[in-house]
Amino acid sequence: MTGAASMGQGELAQLMERAAEAGARKALAAVGLSDEDAASDVRDLRGLLDAFRTVKHMVAHTIVNTAARVLTIAVIAGLMAWAGIKLHLITD
């Protein structure tokens, strides 16, 4: 324990840096990103995530657009039916 107490700031900083790098390597290895293709894999994952976000946005836009069209058609059909009844075009 006396060796740790006599360690200088520079030595302690180097020890902490080596420990942090070793921990980072271990964490990357745990998720399968420790080989030379890791950077390419991360770029691919980011591309897939961007594509997913784009598709999610397009789906939400399509749902809102479709709902608005259905509502518009329903209102027009209702107005046409109401006008037909009022003008006696639709008989009982």
Protein backbone atom coordinates (compact mmCIF):
# COMPACT_ATOMS: atom_id res chain seq x y z
CA MET A 1 0.00 0.00 0.00
CA THR A 2 2.93 2.30 0.52
CA GLY A 3 3.76 2.09 -3.22
CA ALA A 4 0.40 3.59 -4.15
CA ALA A 5 0.81 6.40 -1.66
CA SER A 6 4.16 7.39 -3.13
CA MET A 7 2.90 7.38 -6.74
CA GLY A 8 3.18 10.76 -8.42
CA GLN A 9 0.39 12.57 -10.26
CA GLY A 10 1.85 11.68 -13.66
CA GLU A 11 2.14 8.00 -12.80
CA LEU A 12 -1.38 7.95 -11.41
CA ALA A 13 -2.72 9.66 -14.55
CA GLN A 14 -0.95 7.10 -16.77
CA LEU A 15 -2.31 4.23 -14.69
CA MET A 16 -5.84 5.63 -14.93
CA GLU A 17 -5.48 6.15 -18.69
CA ARG A 18 -4.29 2.55 -19.21
CA ALA A 19 -7.14 1.26 -17.04
CA ALA A 20 -9.68 3.33 -18.99
CA GLU A 21 -8.33 2.08 -22.33
CA ALA A 22 -8.37 -1.52 -21.13
CA GLY A 23 -11.95 -1.08 -19.91
CA ALA A 24 -13.00 0.46 -23.21
CA ARG A 25 -11.42 -2.41 -25.17
CA LYS A 26 -13.17 -4.92 -22.93
CA ALA A 27 -16.52 -3.18 -23.35
CA LEU A 28 -16.13 -3.02 -27.15
CA ALA A 29 -15.16 -6.71 -27.24
CA ALA A 30 -18.24 -7.56 -25.17
CA VAL A 31 -20.50 -6.06 -27.86
CA GLY A 32 -18.50 -7.48 -30.76
CA LEU A 33 -16.78 -4.28 -31.84
CA SER A 34 -13.16 -5.21 -31.17
CA ASP A 35 -12.01 -6.14 -34.68
CA GLU A 36 -10.73 -3.96 -37.52
CA ASP A 37 -14.23 -3.80 -39.06
CA ALA A 38 -15.67 -2.11 -35.96
CA ALA A 39 -15.62 1.41 -37.44
CA SER A 40 -17.35 0.19 -40.60
CA ASP A 41 -19.90 -1.68 -38.49
CA VAL A 42 -20.69 1.44 -36.49
CA ARG A 43 -21.10 3.49 -39.70
CA ASP A 44 -23.42 0.80 -41.08
CA LEU A 45 -25.46 0.82 -37.87
CA ARG A 46 -25.74 4.61 -38.02
CA GLY A 47 -26.88 4.36 -41.63
CA LEU A 48 -29.50 1.79 -40.69
CA LEU A 49 -30.68 3.96 -37.83
CA ASP A 50 -30.98 6.98 -40.14
CA ALA A 51 -32.94 4.87 -42.63
CA PHE A 52 -35.22 3.63 -39.83
CA ARG A 53 -35.88 7.19 -38.69
CA THR A 54 -36.68 8.22 -42.26
CA VAL A 55 -39.10 5.33 -42.70
CA LYS A 56 -40.70 6.03 -39.32
CA HIS A 57 -41.23 9.66 -40.33
CA MET A 58 -42.67 8.63 -43.71
CA VAL A 59 -45.06 6.12 -42.08
CA ALA A 60 -46.30 8.72 -39.60
CA HIS A 61 -46.75 11.23 -42.44
CA THR A 62 -48.63 8.65 -44.53
CA ILE A 63 -50.94 7.72 -41.63
CA VAL A 64 -51.82 11.36 -40.96
CA ASN A 65 -52.28 12.06 -44.66
CA THR A 66 -54.50 8.99 -45.13
CA ALA A 67 -56.58 9.85 -42.05
CA ALA A 68 -57.12 13.37 -43.38
CA ARG A 69 -58.21 12.03 -46.77
CA VAL A 70 -60.61 9.52 -45.20
CA LEU A 71 -62.10 12.26 -43.04
CA THR A 72 -62.47 14.55 -46.06
CA ILE A 73 -64.18 11.79 -48.08
CA ALA A 74 -66.51 11.03 -45.17
CA VAL A 75 -67.47 14.71 -44.85
CA ILE A 76 -68.06 15.03 -48.60
CA ALA A 77 -70.13 11.82 -48.66
CA GLY A 78 -72.15 13.05 -45.69
CA LEU A 79 -72.75 16.42 -47.35
CA MET A 80 -73.78 14.72 -50.58
CA ALA A 81 -76.20 12.44 -48.72
CA TRP A 82 -77.60 15.39 -46.78
CA ALA A 83 -78.00 17.43 -49.98
CA GLY A 84 -79.64 14.47 -51.71
CA ILE A 85 -82.16 14.11 -48.90
CA LYS A 86 -82.85 17.84 -48.77
CA LEU A 87 -83.32 18.05 -52.53
CA HIS A 88 -85.45 14.89 -52.47
CA LEU A 89 -83.06 13.09 -54.76
CA ILE A 90 -82.98 10.19 -52.36
CA THR A 91 -86.45 8.79 -51.72
CA ASP A 92 -87.63 6.72 -48.79
